[in-house]
C-alpha atoms as a PDB file:
ATOM      1  CA  UNK A   1     -20.841 -41.704 -68.943  1.00  0.00           C
ATOM      2  CA  UNK A   2     -18.446 -39.902 -71.242  1.00  0.00           C
ATOM      3  CA  UNK A   3     -15.434 -38.692 -69.271  1.00  0.00           C
ATOM      4  CA  UNK A   4     -16.226 -40.851 -66.235  1.00  0.00           C
ATOM      5  CA  UNK A   5     -13.963 -43.485 -64.701  1.00  0.00           C
ATOM      6  CA  UNK A   6     -15.526 -46.692 -63.386  1.00  0.00           C
ATOM      7  CA  UNK A   7     -14.038 -49.422 -61.214  1.00  0.00           C
ATOM      8  CA  UNK A   8     -15.589 -52.877 -61.662  1.00  0.00           C
ATOM      9  CA  UNK A   9     -14.818 -55.655 -59.211  1.00  0.00           C
ATOM     10  CA  UNK A  10     -15.856 -59.184 -60.114  1.00  0.00           C
ATOM     11  CA  UNK A  11     -15.222 -59.573 -63.841  1.00  0.00           C
ATOM     12  CA  UNK A  12     -14.277 -63.255 -64.005  1.00  0.00           C
ATOM     13  CA  UNK A  13     -15.226 -64.264 -67.561  1.00  0.00           C
ATOM     14  CA  UNK A  14     -17.275 -63.201 -70.576  1.00  0.00           C
ATOM     15  CA  UNK A  15     -20.464 -64.682 -69.105  1.00  0.00           C
ATOM     16  CA  UNK A  16     -20.427 -62.741 -65.831  1.00  0.00           C
ATOM     17  CA  UNK A  17     -22.842 -59.886 -65.179  1.00  0.00           C
ATOM     18  CA  UNK A  18     -19.839 -57.756 -64.280  1.00  0.00           C
ATOM     19  CA  UNK A  19     -18.488 -58.169 -67.819  1.00  0.00           C
ATOM     20  CA  UNK A  20     -21.840 -57.214 -69.328  1.00  0.00           C
ATOM     21  CA  UNK A  21     -21.855 -54.114 -67.130  1.00  0.00           C
ATOM     22  CA  UNK A  22     -18.308 -53.276 -68.199  1.00  0.00           C
ATOM     23  CA  UNK A  23     -19.397 -53.513 -71.846  1.00  0.00           C
ATOM     24  CA  UNK A  24     -22.332 -51.181 -71.225  1.00  0.00           C
ATOM     25  CA  UNK A  25     -20.126 -48.685 -69.402  1.00  0.00           C
ATOM     26  CA  UNK A  26     -17.601 -48.736 -72.244  1.00  0.00           C
ATOM     27  CA  UNK A  27     -20.379 -48.253 -74.787  1.00  0.00           C
ATOM     28  CA  UNK A  28     -21.510 -45.162 -72.887  1.00  0.00           C
ATOM     29  CA  UNK A  29     -17.999 -43.711 -72.898  1.00  0.00           C
ATOM     30  CA  UNK A  30     -16.599 -44.635 -69.483  1.00  0.00           C
ATOM     31  CA  UNK A  31     -12.951 -45.434 -68.865  1.00  0.00           C
ATOM     32  CA  UNK A  32     -12.664 -48.767 -67.047  1.00  0.00           C
ATOM     33  CA  UNK A  33     -10.609 -50.149 -64.187  1.00  0.00           C
ATOM     34  CA  UNK A  34     -10.927 -53.898 -63.539  1.00  0.00           C
ATOM     35  CA  UNK A  35      -9.757 -56.077 -60.658  1.00  0.00           C
ATOM     36  CA  UNK A  36      -9.015 -59.780 -60.456  1.00  0.00           C
ATOM     37  CA  UNK A  37      -8.585 -62.143 -57.509  1.00  0.00           C
ATOM     38  CA  UNK A  38      -5.488 -64.319 -57.577  1.00  0.00           C
ATOM     39  CA  UNK A  39      -2.983 -65.174 -60.266  1.00  0.00           C
ATOM     40  CA  UNK A  40      -5.311 -67.819 -61.745  1.00  0.00           C
ATOM     41  CA  UNK A  41      -7.652 -65.120 -63.090  1.00  0.00           C
ATOM     42  CA  UNK A  42      -5.038 -62.575 -64.079  1.00  0.00           C
ATOM     43  CA  UNK A  43      -4.599 -63.568 -67.735  1.00  0.00           C
ATOM     44  CA  UNK A  44      -8.347 -63.871 -68.334  1.00  0.00           C
ATOM     45  CA  UNK A  45      -9.133 -60.452 -66.877  1.00  0.00           C
ATOM     46  CA  UNK A  46      -6.206 -58.838 -68.691  1.00  0.00           C
ATOM     47  CA  UNK A  47      -7.541 -60.226 -71.975  1.00  0.00           C
ATOM     48  CA  UNK A  48     -11.013 -58.937 -71.164  1.00  0.00           C
ATOM     49  CA  UNK A  49      -9.527 -55.579 -70.224  1.00  0.00           C
ATOM     50  CA  UNK A  50      -7.817 -55.364 -73.591  1.00  0.00           C
ATOM     51  CA  UNK A  51     -11.147 -55.999 -75.312  1.00  0.00           C
ATOM     52  CA  UNK A  52     -12.860 -53.297 -73.248  1.00  0.00           C
ATOM     53  CA  UNK A  53     -10.595 -50.438 -74.240  1.00  0.00           C
ATOM     54  CA  UNK A  54      -8.868 -49.078 -77.286  1.00  0.00           C
ATOM     55  CA  UNK A  55      -5.518 -50.389 -78.479  1.00  0.00           C
ATOM     56  CA  UNK A  56      -3.939 -47.183 -77.176  1.00  0.00           C
ATOM     57  CA  UNK A  57      -5.807 -47.284 -73.856  1.00  0.00           C
ATOM     58  CA  UNK A  58      -6.992 -50.728 -72.704  1.00  0.00           C
ATOM     59  CA  UNK A  59      -8.884 -51.050 -69.443  1.00  0.00           C
ATOM     60  CA  UNK A  60      -6.528 -50.848 -66.481  1.00  0.00           C
ATOM     61  CA  UNK A  61      -6.297 -54.177 -64.612  1.00  0.00           C
ATOM     62  CA  UNK A  62      -4.961 -54.897 -61.132  1.00  0.00           C
ATOM     63  CA  UNK A  63      -5.257 -57.487 -58.377  1.00  0.00           C
ATOM     64  CA  UNK A  64      -7.575 -57.114 -55.377  1.00  0.00           C
ATOM     65  CA  UNK A  65      -8.781 -59.822 -53.010  1.00  0.00           C
ATOM     66  CA  UNK A  66     -11.589 -58.112 -51.077  1.00  0.00           C
ATOM     67  CA  UNK A  67     -11.155 -60.471 -48.108  1.00  0.00           C
ATOM     68  CA  UNK A  68      -7.635 -59.161 -47.465  1.00  0.00           C
ATOM     69  CA  UNK A  69      -7.208 -55.795 -45.739  1.00  0.00           C
ATOM     70  CA  UNK A  70      -3.765 -55.377 -47.293  1.00  0.00           C
ATOM     71  CA  UNK A  71      -5.255 -55.729 -50.778  1.00  0.00           C
ATOM     72  CA  UNK A  72      -7.907 -53.129 -49.990  1.00  0.00           C
ATOM     73  CA  UNK A  73      -5.209 -50.778 -48.708  1.00  0.00           C
ATOM     74  CA  UNK A  74      -3.308 -51.367 -51.938  1.00  0.00           C
ATOM     75  CA  UNK A  75      -6.514 -50.620 -53.866  1.00  0.00           C
ATOM     76  CA  UNK A  76      -6.656 -47.195 -52.231  1.00  0.00           C
ATOM     77  CA  UNK A  77      -2.990 -46.627 -53.117  1.00  0.00           C
ATOM     78  CA  UNK A  78      -3.540 -47.747 -56.716  1.00  0.00           C
ATOM     79  CA  UNK A  79      -6.465 -45.378 -57.119  1.00  0.00           C
ATOM     80  CA  UNK A  80      -4.308 -42.497 -55.892  1.00  0.00           C
ATOM     81  CA  UNK A  81      -2.893 -42.187 -59.409  1.00  0.00           C
ATOM     82  CA  UNK A  82      -6.381 -41.582 -60.812  1.00  0.00           C
ATOM     83  CA  UNK A  83      -7.711 -38.041 -61.077  1.00  0.00           C
ATOM     84  CA  UNK A  84     -11.030 -39.211 -59.669  1.00  0.00           C
ATOM     85  CA  UNK A  85     -13.428 -42.131 -59.548  1.00  0.00           C
ATOM     86  CA  UNK A  86     -17.053 -41.772 -60.641  1.00  0.00           C
ATOM     87  CA  UNK A  87     -18.591 -45.245 -60.411  1.00  0.00           C
ATOM     88  CA  UNK A  88     -17.878 -48.518 -58.631  1.00  0.00           C
ATOM     89  CA  UNK A  89     -19.515 -51.878 -59.299  1.00  0.00           C
ATOM     90  CA  UNK A  90     -19.282 -54.559 -56.594  1.00  0.00           C
ATOM     91  CA  UNK A  91     -20.111 -57.881 -58.280  1.00  0.00           C
ATOM     92  CA  UNK A  92     -18.625 -60.301 -55.767  1.00  0.00           C
ATOM     93  CA  UNK A  93     -20.255 -63.183 -53.915  1.00  0.00           C
ATOM     94  CA  UNK A  94     -19.245 -66.627 -52.704  1.00  0.00           C
ATOM     95  CA  UNK A  95     -20.482 -69.488 -50.546  1.00  0.00           C
ATOM     96  CA  UNK A  96     -19.211 -72.991 -50.063  1.00  0.00           C
ATOM     97  CA  UNK A  97     -20.779 -75.457 -52.462  1.00  0.00           C
ATOM     98  CA  UNK A  98     -21.653 -77.719 -49.535  1.00  0.00           C
ATOM     99  CA  UNK A  99     -23.633 -74.936 -47.870  1.00  0.00           C
ATOM    100  CA  UNK A 100     -25.666 -74.401 -51.046  1.00  0.00           C
ATOM    101  CA  UNK A 101     -26.415 -78.102 -51.444  1.00  0.00           C
ATOM    102  CA  UNK A 102     -27.754 -78.901 -47.962  1.00  0.00           C
ATOM    103  CA  UNK A 103     -30.608 -77.435 -45.891  1.00  0.00           C
ATOM    104  CA  UNK A 104     -29.916 -73.959 -44.506  1.00  0.00           C
ATOM    105  CA  UNK A 105     -30.226 -75.205 -40.931  1.00  0.00           C
ATOM    106  CA  UNK A 106     -27.121 -77.321 -41.512  1.00  0.00           C
ATOM    107  CA  UNK A 107     -24.974 -74.343 -42.523  1.00  0.00           C
ATOM    108  CA  UNK A 108     -21.616 -74.475 -40.779  1.00  0.00           C
ATOM    109  CA  UNK A 109     -20.373 -71.527 -38.721  1.00  0.00           C
ATOM    110  CA  UNK A 110     -17.335 -71.169 -40.970  1.00  0.00           C
ATOM    111  CA  UNK A 111     -19.504 -71.380 -44.087  1.00  0.00           C
ATOM    112  CA  UNK A 112     -21.886 -68.726 -42.788  1.00  0.00           C
ATOM    113  CA  UNK A 113     -19.065 -66.340 -41.919  1.00  0.00           C
ATOM    114  CA  UNK A 114     -17.349 -66.930 -45.259  1.00  0.00           C
ATOM    115  CA  UNK A 115     -20.489 -66.089 -47.224  1.00  0.00           C
ATOM    116  CA  UNK A 116     -21.033 -62.941 -45.156  1.00  0.00           C
ATOM    117  CA  UNK A 117     -17.409 -61.842 -45.463  1.00  0.00           C
ATOM    118  CA  UNK A 118     -17.113 -62.240 -49.228  1.00  0.00           C
ATOM    119  CA  UNK A 119     -20.658 -61.371 -50.257  1.00  0.00           C
ATOM    120  CA  UNK A 120     -21.688 -58.621 -47.814  1.00  0.00           C
ATOM    121  CA  UNK A 121     -18.882 -57.179 -45.706  1.00  0.00           C
ATOM    122  CA  UNK A 122     -16.671 -56.749 -48.770  1.00  0.00           C
ATOM    123  CA  UNK A 123     -19.134 -54.122 -50.027  1.00  0.00           C
ATOM    124  CA  UNK A 124     -18.546 -52.085 -46.866  1.00  0.00           C
ATOM    125  CA  UNK A 125     -14.781 -52.499 -47.123  1.00  0.00           C
ATOM    126  CA  UNK A 126     -14.710 -51.551 -50.804  1.00  0.00           C
ATOM    127  CA  UNK A 127     -16.880 -48.469 -50.221  1.00  0.00           C
ATOM    128  CA  UNK A 128     -14.512 -47.311 -47.480  1.00  0.00           C
ATOM    129  CA  UNK A 129     -11.519 -47.814 -49.784  1.00  0.00           C
ATOM    130  CA  UNK A 130     -12.932 -45.979 -52.809  1.00  0.00           C
ATOM    131  CA  UNK A 131     -14.999 -43.160 -51.283  1.00  0.00           C
ATOM    132  CA  UNK A 132     -12.034 -40.799 -50.750  1.00  0.00           C
ATOM    133  CA  UNK A 133     -11.365 -40.878 -54.486  1.00  0.00           C
ATOM    134  CA  UNK A 134     -14.964 -40.061 -55.426  1.00  0.00           C
ATOM    135  CA  UNK A 135     -14.329 -36.368 -54.989  1.00  0.00           C
ATOM    136  CA  UNK A 136     -17.103 -35.291 -57.380  1.00  0.00           C
ATOM    137  CA  UNK A 137     -19.614 -37.725 -55.956  1.00  0.00           C
ATOM    138  CA  UNK A 138     -20.720 -40.699 -57.985  1.00  0.00           C
ATOM    139  CA  UNK A 139     -22.346 -44.094 -57.710  1.00  0.00           C
ATOM    140  CA  UNK A 140     -21.568 -47.386 -56.001  1.00  0.00           C
ATOM    141  CA  UNK A 141     -23.549 -50.399 -57.226  1.00  0.00           C
ATOM    142  CA  UNK A 142     -23.854 -54.004 -56.120  1.00  0.00           C
ATOM    143  CA  UNK A 143     -25.786 -57.040 -57.322  1.00  0.00           C
ATOM    144  CA  UNK A 144     -28.338 -58.906 -55.258  1.00  0.00           C
ATOM    145  CA  UNK A 145     -31.153 -61.417 -55.796  1.00  0.00           C
ATOM    146  CA  UNK A 146     -34.730 -62.128 -54.737  1.00  0.00           C
ATOM    147  CA  UNK A 147     -33.444 -64.838 -52.387  1.00  0.00           C
ATOM    148  CA  UNK A 148     -32.613 -62.036 -49.952  1.00  0.00           C
ATOM    149  CA  UNK A 149     -36.277 -61.596 -49.035  1.00  0.00           C
ATOM    150  CA  UNK A 150     -37.906 -64.846 -50.174  1.00  0.00           C
ATOM    151  CA  UNK A 151     -36.892 -68.448 -49.680  1.00  0.00           C
ATOM    152  CA  UNK A 152     -35.399 -69.762 -52.909  1.00  0.00           C
ATOM    153  CA  UNK A 153     -34.714 -73.497 -52.813  1.00  0.00           C
ATOM    154  CA  UNK A 154     -30.977 -74.260 -52.676  1.00  0.00           C
ATOM    155  CA  UNK A 155     -29.994 -70.567 -52.332  1.00  0.00           C
ATOM    156  CA  UNK A 156     -29.670 -71.031 -48.581  1.00  0.00           C
ATOM    157  CA  UNK A 157     -26.768 -69.174 -46.920  1.00  0.00           C
ATOM    158  CA  UNK A 158     -26.332 -66.944 -49.956  1.00  0.00           C
ATOM    159  CA  UNK A 159     -29.844 -65.582 -49.494  1.00  0.00           C
ATOM    160  CA  UNK A 160     -28.999 -64.542 -45.946  1.00  0.00           C
ATOM    161  CA  UNK A 161     -25.771 -62.927 -47.160  1.00  0.00           C
ATOM    162  CA  UNK A 162     -27.680 -60.988 -49.824  1.00  0.00           C
ATOM    163  CA  UNK A 163     -30.114 -59.756 -47.153  1.00  0.00           C
ATOM    164  CA  UNK A 164     -27.140 -58.370 -45.220  1.00  0.00           C
ATOM    165  CA  UNK A 165     -25.789 -56.840 -48.431  1.00  0.00           C
ATOM    166  CA  UNK A 166     -29.056 -54.990 -49.079  1.00  0.00           C
ATOM    167  CA  UNK A 167     -29.075 -53.640 -45.523  1.00  0.00           C
ATOM    168  CA  UNK A 168     -25.484 -52.495 -46.032  1.00  0.00           C
ATOM    169  CA  UNK A 169     -26.577 -50.607 -49.156  1.00  0.00           C
ATOM    170  CA  UNK A 170     -29.052 -48.567 -47.113  1.00  0.00           C
ATOM    171  CA  UNK A 171     -26.581 -47.734 -44.342  1.00  0.00           C
ATOM    172  CA  UNK A 172     -23.825 -46.861 -46.816  1.00  0.00           C
ATOM    173  CA  UNK A 173     -26.238 -44.635 -48.733  1.00  0.00           C
ATOM    174  CA  UNK A 174     -26.960 -42.728 -45.514  1.00  0.00           C
ATOM    175  CA  UNK A 175     -23.272 -42.393 -44.654  1.00  0.00           C
ATOM    176  CA  UNK A 176     -22.098 -41.358 -48.111  1.00  0.00           C
ATOM    177  CA  UNK A 177     -25.049 -39.240 -49.218  1.00  0.00           C
ATOM    178  CA  UNK A 178     -23.559 -35.982 -47.862  1.00  0.00           C
ATOM    179  CA  UNK A 179     -20.605 -36.595 -50.226  1.00  0.00           C
ATOM    180  CA  UNK A 180     -23.031 -36.943 -53.137  1.00  0.00           C
ATOM    181  CA  UNK A 181     -22.147 -40.633 -53.443  1.00  0.00           C
ATOM    182  CA  UNK A 182     -25.163 -42.777 -54.247  1.00  0.00           C
ATOM    183  CA  UNK A 183     -25.330 -46.459 -53.253  1.00  0.00           C
ATOM    184  CA  UNK A 184     -27.796 -48.867 -54.849  1.00  0.00           C
ATOM    185  CA  UNK A 185     -28.338 -52.553 -55.573  1.00  0.00           C
ATOM    186  CA  UNK A 186     -29.701 -54.270 -58.654  1.00  0.00           C
ATOM    187  CA  UNK A 187     -31.777 -57.359 -57.939  1.00  0.00           C
ATOM    188  CA  UNK A 188     -31.272 -59.261 -61.165  1.00  0.00           C
ATOM    189  CA  UNK A 189     -33.359 -62.186 -62.229  1.00  0.00           C
ATOM    190  CA  UNK A 190     -31.575 -65.515 -62.701  1.00  0.00           C
ATOM    191  CA  UNK A 191     -29.024 -65.444 -65.510  1.00  0.00           C
ATOM    192  CA  UNK A 192     -26.911 -68.302 -66.852  1.00  0.00           C
ATOM    193  CA  UNK A 193     -23.530 -67.362 -65.426  1.00  0.00           C
ATOM    194  CA  UNK A 194     -20.660 -69.570 -64.296  1.00  0.00           C
ATOM    195  CA  UNK A 195     -21.483 -68.697 -60.684  1.00  0.00           C
ATOM    196  CA  UNK A 196     -25.143 -69.669 -61.113  1.00  0.00           C
ATOM    197  CA  UNK A 197     -24.132 -73.173 -62.121  1.00  0.00           C
ATOM    198  CA  UNK A 198     -23.090 -73.718 -58.515  1.00  0.00           C
ATOM    199  CA  UNK A 199     -26.752 -73.587 -57.425  1.00  0.00           C
ATOM    200  CA  UNK A 200     -28.417 -76.981 -57.472  1.00  0.00           C
ATOM    201  CA  UNK A 201     -31.277 -77.323 -59.993  1.00  0.00           C
ATOM    202  CA  UNK A 202     -30.662 -73.816 -61.325  1.00  0.00           C
ATOM    203  CA  UNK A 203     -32.363 -74.698 -64.598  1.00  0.00           C
ATOM    204  CA  UNK A 204     -35.625 -75.165 -62.679  1.00  0.00           C
ATOM    205  CA  UNK A 205     -35.345 -71.597 -61.378  1.00  0.00           C
ATOM    206  CA  UNK A 206     -35.011 -70.329 -64.947  1.00  0.00           C
ATOM    207  CA  UNK A 207     -38.026 -72.367 -65.999  1.00  0.00           C
ATOM    208  CA  UNK A 208     -40.144 -71.065 -63.108  1.00  0.00           C
ATOM    209  CA  UNK A 209     -39.352 -67.435 -63.900  1.00  0.00           C
ATOM    210  CA  UNK A 210     -40.101 -67.919 -67.584  1.00  0.00           C
ATOM    211  CA  UNK A 211     -43.433 -69.532 -66.732  1.00  0.00           C
ATOM    212  CA  UNK A 212     -44.638 -67.019 -64.133  1.00  0.00           C
ATOM    213  CA  UNK A 213     -42.966 -63.635 -64.743  1.00  0.00           C
ATOM    214  CA  UNK A 214     -45.304 -61.030 -66.250  1.00  0.00           C
ATOM    215  CA  UNK A 215     -43.085 -60.858 -69.346  1.00  0.00           C
ATOM    216  CA  UNK A 216     -42.941 -64.688 -69.599  1.00  0.00           C
ATOM    217  CA  UNK A 217     -39.193 -64.733 -70.033  1.00  0.00           C
ATOM    218  CA  UNK A 218     -35.905 -64.369 -68.219  1.00  0.00           C
ATOM    219  CA  UNK A 219     -33.804 -61.235 -68.375  1.00  0.00           C
ATOM    220  CA  UNK A 220     -30.567 -60.931 -70.311  1.00  0.00           C
ATOM    221  CA  UNK A 221     -27.185 -59.762 -69.026  1.00  0.00           C
ATOM    222  CA  UNK A 222     -27.493 -56.752 -71.319  1.00  0.00           C
ATOM    223  CA  UNK A 223     -30.709 -55.635 -69.647  1.00  0.00           C
ATOM    224  CA  UNK A 224     -29.082 -55.801 -66.209  1.00  0.00           C
ATOM    225  CA  UNK A 225     -26.074 -53.913 -67.576  1.00  0.00           C
ATOM    226  CA  UNK A 226     -28.232 -51.128 -69.016  1.00  0.00           C
ATOM    227  CA  UNK A 227     -29.880 -50.605 -65.628  1.00  0.00           C
ATOM    228  CA  UNK A 228     -26.400 -50.395 -64.090  1.00  0.00           C
ATOM    229  CA  UNK A 229     -25.405 -47.788 -66.667  1.00  0.00           C
ATOM    230  CA  UNK A 230     -28.486 -45.732 -65.771  1.00  0.00           C
ATOM    231  CA  UNK A 231     -27.670 -45.857 -62.055  1.00  0.00           C
ATOM    232  CA  UNK A 232     -23.995 -45.040 -62.601  1.00  0.00           C
ATOM    233  CA  UNK A 233     -24.720 -42.108 -64.896  1.00  0.00           C
ATOM    234  CA  UNK A 234     -26.172 -38.703 -64.137  1.00  0.00           C
ATOM    235  CA  UNK A 235     -29.561 -40.032 -65.239  1.00  0.00           C
ATOM    236  CA  UNK A 236     -29.767 -41.847 -61.895  1.00  0.00           C
ATOM    237  CA  UNK A 237     -28.605 -38.876 -59.841  1.00  0.00           C
ATOM    238  CA  UNK A 238     -31.710 -38.841 -57.620  1.00  0.00           C
ATOM    239  CA  UNK A 239     -31.692 -42.543 -56.708  1.00  0.00           C
ATOM    240  CA  UNK A 240     -29.890 -43.905 -53.668  1.00  0.00           C
ATOM    241  CA  UNK A 241     -30.298 -46.529 -50.950  1.00  0.00           C
ATOM    242  CA  UNK A 242     -32.590 -48.566 -53.158  1.00  0.00           C
ATOM    243  CA  UNK A 243     -32.903 -52.078 -54.590  1.00  0.00           C
ATOM    244  CA  UNK A 244     -34.023 -51.929 -58.218  1.00  0.00           C
ATOM    245  CA  UNK A 245     -35.388 -55.112 -59.775  1.00  0.00           C
ATOM    246  CA  UNK A 246     -34.496 -56.289 -63.255  1.00  0.00           C
ATOM    247  CA  UNK A 247     -36.243 -59.656 -63.434  1.00  0.00           C
ATOM    248  CA  UNK A 248     -39.013 -59.361 -66.040  1.00  0.00           C
ATOM    249  CA  UNK A 249     -41.366 -58.530 -63.163  1.00  0.00           C
ATOM    250  CA  UNK A 250     -41.115 -61.901 -61.418  1.00  0.00           C
ATOM    251  CA  UNK A 251     -40.764 -60.317 -57.959  1.00  0.00           C
ATOM    252  CA  UNK A 252     -44.288 -58.849 -58.057  1.00  0.00           C
ATOM    253  CA  UNK A 253     -46.042 -62.176 -58.488  1.00  0.00           C
ATOM    254  CA  UNK A 254     -47.867 -64.027 -55.723  1.00  0.00           C
ATOM    255  CA  UNK A 255     -49.549 -67.409 -55.799  1.00  0.00           C
END
């Protein structure tokens, strides 16, 4: 990825998959742009940005709330100062804690729409904002999970949002393919992130994967990040509209 510029949305802390991906991109030579949501996260992301670049050229950091059209318009304006954009990572998802803790059938209308807006529609909005700057083509990536196609206890409304996200990947790939922009999703196995702690009994999910995956273990953030680096680089130039699994093979297993 030497000479490429990558925008990563969703770096919240050192334990997030987005941060692991940013590290992998930096290792492979990419210049990084990072976003944060709200003043509360600004200092943390700025510190992470400083660690992801050289002292002369730290990662560029700016605010973007993907649920606000004005922020997305500002994102387009901010990117105007860049020569070009080669890769974009969408690592953003959210659902109300209450909607993850109760049966899916009890999901509120507002909770359903919130999960869809933040977790799925934002991918469409971000792609529309960044595509004009991807003048040499490139790659847009997002993160999904097996709960999009199988019922995972306590994943609930987020599973439905991830299903919509994966469908969006396919439609965006068809729209942006003529511009040589590839769009893919990584379906990562469960990883101990701050966001994952919001899922009830998450430790049991980790235990189940370790017990039944072909490799008899869970994946690491670094393994997910390396797959992202492959997809964002020229090595993945023939792959688009796909969901690639990085879960130690758990998704292939039946009863």
